[in-house]
Amino acid sequence: MGGAPEGGRRVRGGVLTADPAGQRPFRVHVDPADDGAEVVNAVGDRVRTEFYRRIGLDDLLRPAVA
């Protein structure tokens, strides 16, 4: 895991690094069994996003500077 791949991203210990704050992905999927967990997590993320928008909490879906 020497140099950073294209885009400046690097994975160390299952954590994606080297991206500026606010540009990092919400979740990184590691699915060695290839059992479809990535698809299930994507559906859960979509359902959560729709729910937050419906109840008026869509501001929680974006990073905020404190």
PDB file of N, CA and C in Angstrom:
ATOM      1  N   MET A   1       0.826  -1.176   0.000  1.00  0.00           N
ATOM      2  CA  MET A   1       0.000   0.000   0.000  1.00  0.00           C
ATOM      3  C   MET A   1       0.869   1.237   0.000  1.00  0.00           C
ATOM      4  N   GLY A   2       1.780   1.293  -0.918  1.00  0.00           N
ATOM      5  CA  GLY A   2       2.730   2.384  -1.001  1.00  0.00           C
ATOM      6  C   GLY A   2       2.111   3.699  -1.417  1.00  0.00           C
ATOM      7  N   GLY A   3       2.059   3.948  -2.725  1.00  0.00           N
ATOM      8  CA  GLY A   3       1.568   5.227  -3.215  1.00  0.00           C
ATOM      9  C   GLY A   3       0.057   5.251  -3.310  1.00  0.00           C
ATOM     10  N   ALA A   4      -0.450   6.452  -3.402  1.00  0.00           N
ATOM     11  CA  ALA A   4      -1.893   6.614  -3.524  1.00  0.00           C
ATOM     12  C   ALA A   4      -2.317   6.316  -4.955  1.00  0.00           C
ATOM     13  N   PRO A   5      -3.395   5.581  -5.149  1.00  0.00           N
ATOM     14  CA  PRO A   5      -3.893   5.321  -6.492  1.00  0.00           C
ATOM     15  C   PRO A   5      -4.478   6.596  -7.107  1.00  0.00           C
ATOM     16  N   GLU A   6      -4.961   6.484  -8.317  1.00  0.00           N
ATOM     17  CA  GLU A   6      -5.541   7.623  -9.019  1.00  0.00           C
ATOM     18  C   GLU A   6      -6.625   8.278  -8.166  1.00  0.00           C
ATOM     19  N   GLY A   7      -6.656   9.576  -8.139  1.00  0.00           N
ATOM     20  CA  GLY A   7      -7.638  10.294  -7.337  1.00  0.00           C
ATOM     21  C   GLY A   7      -7.137  10.603  -5.946  1.00  0.00           C
ATOM     22  N   GLY A   8      -5.937  10.152  -5.597  1.00  0.00           N
ATOM     23  CA  GLY A   8      -5.365  10.479  -4.300  1.00  0.00           C
ATOM     24  C   GLY A   8      -5.916   9.668  -3.155  1.00  0.00           C
ATOM     25  N   ARG A   9      -6.674   8.636  -3.429  1.00  0.00           N
ATOM     26  CA  ARG A   9      -7.274   7.836  -2.365  1.00  0.00           C
ATOM     27  C   ARG A   9      -6.365   6.676  -1.998  1.00  0.00           C
ATOM     28  N   ARG A  10      -6.421   6.320  -0.737  1.00  0.00           N
ATOM     29  CA  ARG A  10      -5.594   5.235  -0.238  1.00  0.00           C
ATOM     30  C   ARG A  10      -6.403   4.508   0.835  1.00  0.00           C
ATOM     31  N   VAL A  11      -6.313   3.198   0.857  1.00  0.00           N
ATOM     32  CA  VAL A  11      -7.000   2.412   1.878  1.00  0.00           C
ATOM     33  C   VAL A  11      -5.955   1.851   2.819  1.00  0.00           C
ATOM     34  N   ARG A  12      -6.124   2.131   4.102  1.00  0.00           N
ATOM     35  CA  ARG A  12      -5.224   1.600   5.133  1.00  0.00           C
ATOM     36  C   ARG A  12      -6.072   1.046   6.258  1.00  0.00           C
ATOM     37  N   GLY A  13      -5.919  -0.203   6.523  1.00  0.00           N
ATOM     38  CA  GLY A  13      -6.684  -0.826   7.606  1.00  0.00           C
ATOM     39  C   GLY A  13      -8.180  -0.718   7.402  1.00  0.00           C
ATOM     40  N   GLY A  14      -8.628  -0.741   6.155  1.00  0.00           N
ATOM     41  CA  GLY A  14     -10.053  -0.661   5.867  1.00  0.00           C
ATOM     42  C   GLY A  14     -10.594   0.753   5.895  1.00  0.00           C
ATOM     43  N   VAL A  15      -9.715   1.768   6.049  1.00  0.00           N
ATOM     44  CA  VAL A  15     -10.168   3.157   6.116  1.00  0.00           C
ATOM     45  C   VAL A  15      -9.640   3.906   4.899  1.00  0.00           C
ATOM     46  N   LEU A  16     -10.527   4.592   4.209  1.00  0.00           N
ATOM     47  CA  LEU A  16     -10.153   5.389   3.057  1.00  0.00           C
ATOM     48  C   LEU A  16      -9.600   6.718   3.548  1.00  0.00           C
ATOM     49  N   THR A  17      -8.409   7.060   3.087  1.00  0.00           N
ATOM     50  CA  THR A  17      -7.764   8.287   3.539  1.00  0.00           C
ATOM     51  C   THR A  17      -7.351   9.141   2.355  1.00  0.00           C
ATOM     52  N   ALA A  18      -6.753  10.271   2.630  1.00  0.00           N
ATOM     53  CA  ALA A  18      -6.140  11.163   1.650  1.00  0.00           C
ATOM     54  C   ALA A  18      -7.144  11.973   0.850  1.00  0.00           C
ATOM     55  N   ASP A  19      -8.411  11.933   1.152  1.00  0.00           N
ATOM     56  CA  ASP A  19      -9.386  12.813   0.518  1.00  0.00           C
ATOM     57  C   ASP A  19      -9.701  13.945   1.485  1.00  0.00           C
ATOM     58  N   PRO A  20      -9.878  15.154   0.971  1.00  0.00           N
ATOM     59  CA  PRO A  20     -10.214  16.276   1.852  1.00  0.00           C
ATOM     60  C   PRO A  20     -11.563  16.051   2.542  1.00  0.00           C
ATOM     61  N   ALA A  21     -11.713  16.618   3.714  1.00  0.00           N
ATOM     62  CA  ALA A  21     -12.987  16.523   4.438  1.00  0.00           C
ATOM     63  C   ALA A  21     -14.105  17.051   3.554  1.00  0.00           C
ATOM     64  N   GLY A  22     -15.242  16.385   3.601  1.00  0.00           N
ATOM     65  CA  GLY A  22     -16.383  16.761   2.776  1.00  0.00           C
ATOM     66  C   GLY A  22     -16.403  16.067   1.429  1.00  0.00           C
ATOM     67  N   GLN A  23     -15.295  15.426   1.049  1.00  0.00           N
ATOM     68  CA  GLN A  23     -15.240  14.704  -0.216  1.00  0.00           C
ATOM     69  C   GLN A  23     -15.054  13.210   0.001  1.00  0.00           C
ATOM     70  N   ARG A  24     -14.954  12.792   1.249  1.00  0.00           N
ATOM     71  CA  ARG A  24     -14.796  11.371   1.557  1.00  0.00           C
ATOM     72  C   ARG A  24     -16.147  10.681   1.419  1.00  0.00           C
ATOM     73  N   PRO A  25     -16.160   9.459   0.946  1.00  0.00           N
ATOM     74  CA  PRO A  25     -17.430   8.739   0.849  1.00  0.00           C
ATOM     75  C   PRO A  25     -17.991   8.453   2.238  1.00  0.00           C
ATOM     76  N   PHE A  26     -19.305   8.372   2.320  1.00  0.00           N
ATOM     77  CA  PHE A  26     -19.958   8.098   3.597  1.00  0.00           C
ATOM     78  C   PHE A  26     -19.574   6.724   4.124  1.00  0.00           C
ATOM     79  N   ARG A  27     -19.481   5.769   3.229  1.00  0.00           N
ATOM     80  CA  ARG A  27     -19.176   4.405   3.639  1.00  0.00           C
ATOM     81  C   ARG A  27     -18.311   3.739   2.581  1.00  0.00           C
ATOM     82  N   VAL A  28     -17.370   2.943   3.012  1.00  0.00           N
ATOM     83  CA  VAL A  28     -16.541   2.148   2.109  1.00  0.00           C
ATOM     84  C   VAL A  28     -16.924   0.686   2.331  1.00  0.00           C
ATOM     85  N   HIS A  29     -17.211  -0.026   1.253  1.00  0.00           N
ATOM     86  CA  HIS A  29     -17.640  -1.416   1.350  1.00  0.00           C
ATOM     87  C   HIS A  29     -16.469  -2.356   1.110  1.00  0.00           C
ATOM     88  N   VAL A  30     -16.252  -3.254   2.037  1.00  0.00           N
ATOM     89  CA  VAL A  30     -15.282  -4.328   1.865  1.00  0.00           C
ATOM     90  C   VAL A  30     -16.074  -5.615   1.987  1.00  0.00           C
ATOM     91  N   ASP A  31     -16.216  -6.326   0.895  1.00  0.00           N
ATOM     92  CA  ASP A  31     -17.081  -7.504   0.841  1.00  0.00           C
ATOM     93  C   ASP A  31     -16.301  -8.686   0.276  1.00  0.00           C
ATOM     94  N   PRO A  32     -15.396  -9.269   1.085  1.00  0.00           N
ATOM     95  CA  PRO A  32     -14.571 -10.359   0.562  1.00  0.00           C
ATOM     96  C   PRO A  32     -15.381 -11.586   0.164  1.00  0.00           C
ATOM     97  N   ALA A  33     -16.525 -11.792   0.778  1.00  0.00           N
ATOM     98  CA  ALA A  33     -17.346 -12.953   0.437  1.00  0.00           C
ATOM     99  C   ALA A  33     -18.188 -12.697  -0.807  1.00  0.00           C
ATOM    100  N   ASP A  34     -18.258 -11.440  -1.248  1.00  0.00           N
ATOM    101  CA  ASP A  34     -19.070 -11.059  -2.407  1.00  0.00           C
ATOM    102  C   ASP A  34     -20.492 -11.596  -2.272  1.00  0.00           C
ATOM    103  N   ASP A  35     -21.063 -11.375  -1.086  1.00  0.00           N
ATOM    104  CA  ASP A  35     -22.405 -11.890  -0.806  1.00  0.00           C
ATOM    105  C   ASP A  35     -23.509 -10.863  -0.997  1.00  0.00           C
ATOM    106  N   GLY A  36     -23.175  -9.707  -1.586  1.00  0.00           N
ATOM    107  CA  GLY A  36     -24.198  -8.720  -1.887  1.00  0.00           C
ATOM    108  C   GLY A  36     -24.386  -7.663  -0.815  1.00  0.00           C
ATOM    109  N   ALA A  37     -23.523  -7.606   0.167  1.00  0.00           N
ATOM    110  CA  ALA A  37     -23.668  -6.626   1.241  1.00  0.00           C
ATOM    111  C   ALA A  37     -23.636  -5.199   0.696  1.00  0.00           C
ATOM    112  N   GLU A  38     -22.858  -4.954  -0.335  1.00  0.00           N
ATOM    113  CA  GLU A  38     -22.774  -3.605  -0.906  1.00  0.00           C
ATOM    114  C   GLU A  38     -24.136  -3.155  -1.443  1.00  0.00           C
ATOM    115  N   VAL A  39     -24.856  -4.055  -2.094  1.00  0.00           N
ATOM    116  CA  VAL A  39     -26.181  -3.729  -2.630  1.00  0.00           C
ATOM    117  C   VAL A  39     -27.156  -3.469  -1.484  1.00  0.00           C
ATOM    118  N   VAL A  40     -27.126  -4.308  -0.466  1.00  0.00           N
ATOM    119  CA  VAL A  40     -28.017  -4.146   0.685  1.00  0.00           C
ATOM    120  C   VAL A  40     -27.744  -2.816   1.376  1.00  0.00           C
ATOM    121  N   ASN A  41     -26.477  -2.471   1.568  1.00  0.00           N
ATOM    122  CA  ASN A  41     -26.133  -1.202   2.209  1.00  0.00           C
ATOM    123  C   ASN A  41     -26.575  -0.015   1.358  1.00  0.00           C
ATOM    124  N   ALA A  42     -26.460  -0.123   0.040  1.00  0.00           N
ATOM    125  CA  ALA A  42     -26.889   0.963  -0.846  1.00  0.00           C
ATOM    126  C   ALA A  42     -28.393   1.188  -0.738  1.00  0.00           C
ATOM    127  N   VAL A  43     -29.161   0.113  -0.661  1.00  0.00           N
ATOM    128  CA  VAL A  43     -30.614   0.233  -0.502  1.00  0.00           C
ATOM    129  C   VAL A  43     -30.934   0.879   0.839  1.00  0.00           C
ATOM    130  N   GLY A  44     -30.253   0.458   1.895  1.00  0.00           N
ATOM    131  CA  GLY A  44     -30.463   1.060   3.216  1.00  0.00           C
ATOM    132  C   GLY A  44     -30.137   2.537   3.221  1.00  0.00           C
ATOM    133  N   ASP A  45     -29.053   2.927   2.562  1.00  0.00           N
ATOM    134  CA  ASP A  45     -28.687   4.345   2.467  1.00  0.00           C
ATOM    135  C   ASP A  45     -29.761   5.143   1.731  1.00  0.00           C
ATOM    136  N   ARG A  46     -30.288   4.575   0.650  1.00  0.00           N
ATOM    137  CA  ARG A  46     -31.318   5.265  -0.118  1.00  0.00           C
ATOM    138  C   ARG A  46     -32.593   5.440   0.699  1.00  0.00           C
ATOM    139  N   VAL A  47     -33.001   4.393   1.418  1.00  0.00           N
ATOM    140  CA  VAL A  47     -34.209   4.456   2.251  1.00  0.00           C
ATOM    141  C   VAL A  47     -34.029   5.493   3.360  1.00  0.00           C
ATOM    142  N   ARG A  48     -32.850   5.494   3.989  1.00  0.00           N
ATOM    143  CA  ARG A  48     -32.557   6.469   5.040  1.00  0.00           C
ATOM    144  C   ARG A  48     -32.605   7.898   4.507  1.00  0.00           C
ATOM    145  N   THR A  49     -32.010   8.101   3.321  1.00  0.00           N
ATOM    146  CA  THR A  49     -32.000   9.427   2.697  1.00  0.00           C
ATOM    147  C   THR A  49     -33.419   9.908   2.430  1.00  0.00           C
ATOM    148  N   GLU A  50     -34.251   9.044   1.857  1.00  0.00           N
ATOM    149  CA  GLU A  50     -35.642   9.408   1.585  1.00  0.00           C
ATOM    150  C   GLU A  50     -36.390   9.724   2.880  1.00  0.00           C
ATOM    151  N   PHE A  51     -36.143   8.952   3.919  1.00  0.00           N
ATOM    152  CA  PHE A  51     -36.806   9.175   5.202  1.00  0.00           C
ATOM    153  C   PHE A  51     -36.417  10.530   5.790  1.00  0.00           C
ATOM    154  N   TYR A  52     -35.103  10.830   5.804  1.00  0.00           N
ATOM    155  CA  TYR A  52     -34.654  12.124   6.349  1.00  0.00           C
ATOM    156  C   TYR A  52     -35.265  13.284   5.574  1.00  0.00           C
ATOM    157  N   ARG A  53     -35.369  13.159   4.272  1.00  0.00           N
ATOM    158  CA  ARG A  53     -35.986  14.228   3.469  1.00  0.00           C
ATOM    159  C   ARG A  53     -37.465  14.369   3.799  1.00  0.00           C
ATOM    160  N   ARG A  54     -38.149  13.256   3.970  1.00  0.00           N
ATOM    161  CA  ARG A  54     -39.584  13.292   4.271  1.00  0.00           C
ATOM    162  C   ARG A  54     -39.879  13.972   5.596  1.00  0.00           C
ATOM    163  N   ILE A  55     -39.017  13.759   6.592  1.00  0.00           N
ATOM    164  CA  ILE A  55     -39.296  14.337   7.917  1.00  0.00           C
ATOM    165  C   ILE A  55     -38.584  15.678   8.126  1.00  0.00           C
ATOM    166  N   GLY A  56     -37.967  16.199   7.054  1.00  0.00           N
ATOM    167  CA  GLY A  56     -37.391  17.528   7.125  1.00  0.00           C
ATOM    168  C   GLY A  56     -36.009  17.615   7.752  1.00  0.00           C
ATOM    169  N   LEU A  57     -35.294  16.502   7.789  1.00  0.00           N
ATOM    170  CA  LEU A  57     -33.947  16.492   8.370  1.00  0.00           C
ATOM    171  C   LEU A  57     -32.870  16.256   7.313  1.00  0.00           C
ATOM    172  N   ASP A  58     -33.154  16.687   6.076  1.00  0.00           N
ATOM    173  CA  ASP A  58     -32.190  16.436   5.005  1.00  0.00           C
ATOM    174  C   ASP A  58     -30.883  17.210   5.184  1.00  0.00           C
ATOM    175  N   ASP A  59     -30.855  18.189   6.091  1.00  0.00           N
ATOM    176  CA  ASP A  59     -29.594  18.885   6.366  1.00  0.00           C
ATOM    177  C   ASP A  59     -28.569  17.941   7.023  1.00  0.00           C
ATOM    178  N   LEU A  60     -29.030  16.839   7.572  1.00  0.00           N
ATOM    179  CA  LEU A  60     -28.125  15.854   8.182  1.00  0.00           C
ATOM    180  C   LEU A  60     -27.409  15.000   7.134  1.00  0.00           C
ATOM    181  N   LEU A  61     -27.810  15.117   5.888  1.00  0.00           N
ATOM    182  CA  LEU A  61     -27.233  14.293   4.826  1.00  0.00           C
ATOM    183  C   LEU A  61     -25.956  14.889   4.248  1.00  0.00           C
ATOM    184  N   ARG A  62     -25.633  16.107   4.622  1.00  0.00           N
ATOM    185  CA  ARG A  62     -24.437  16.777   4.112  1.00  0.00           C
ATOM    186  C   ARG A  62     -23.500  17.114   5.267  1.00  0.00           C
ATOM    187  N   PRO A  63     -22.198  17.070   5.024  1.00  0.00           N
ATOM    188  CA  PRO A  63     -21.273  17.465   6.090  1.00  0.00           C
ATOM    189  C   PRO A  63     -21.422  18.949   6.385  1.00  0.00           C
ATOM    190  N   ALA A  64     -21.297  19.306   7.632  1.00  0.00           N
ATOM    191  CA  ALA A  64     -21.403  20.709   8.044  1.00  0.00           C
ATOM    192  C   ALA A  64     -20.139  21.111   8.777  1.00  0.00           C
ATOM    193  N   VAL A  65     -19.728  22.333   8.564  1.00  0.00           N
ATOM    194  CA  VAL A  65     -18.569  22.867   9.254  1.00  0.00           C
ATOM    195  C   VAL A  65     -19.039  23.457  10.572  1.00  0.00           C
ATOM    196  N   ALA A  66     -18.402  23.012  11.649  1.00  0.00           N
ATOM    197  CA  ALA A  66     -18.824  23.488  12.982  1.00  0.00           C
ATOM    198  C   ALA A  66     -18.160  24.798  13.336  1.00  0.00           C
TER     199      ALA A  66
END
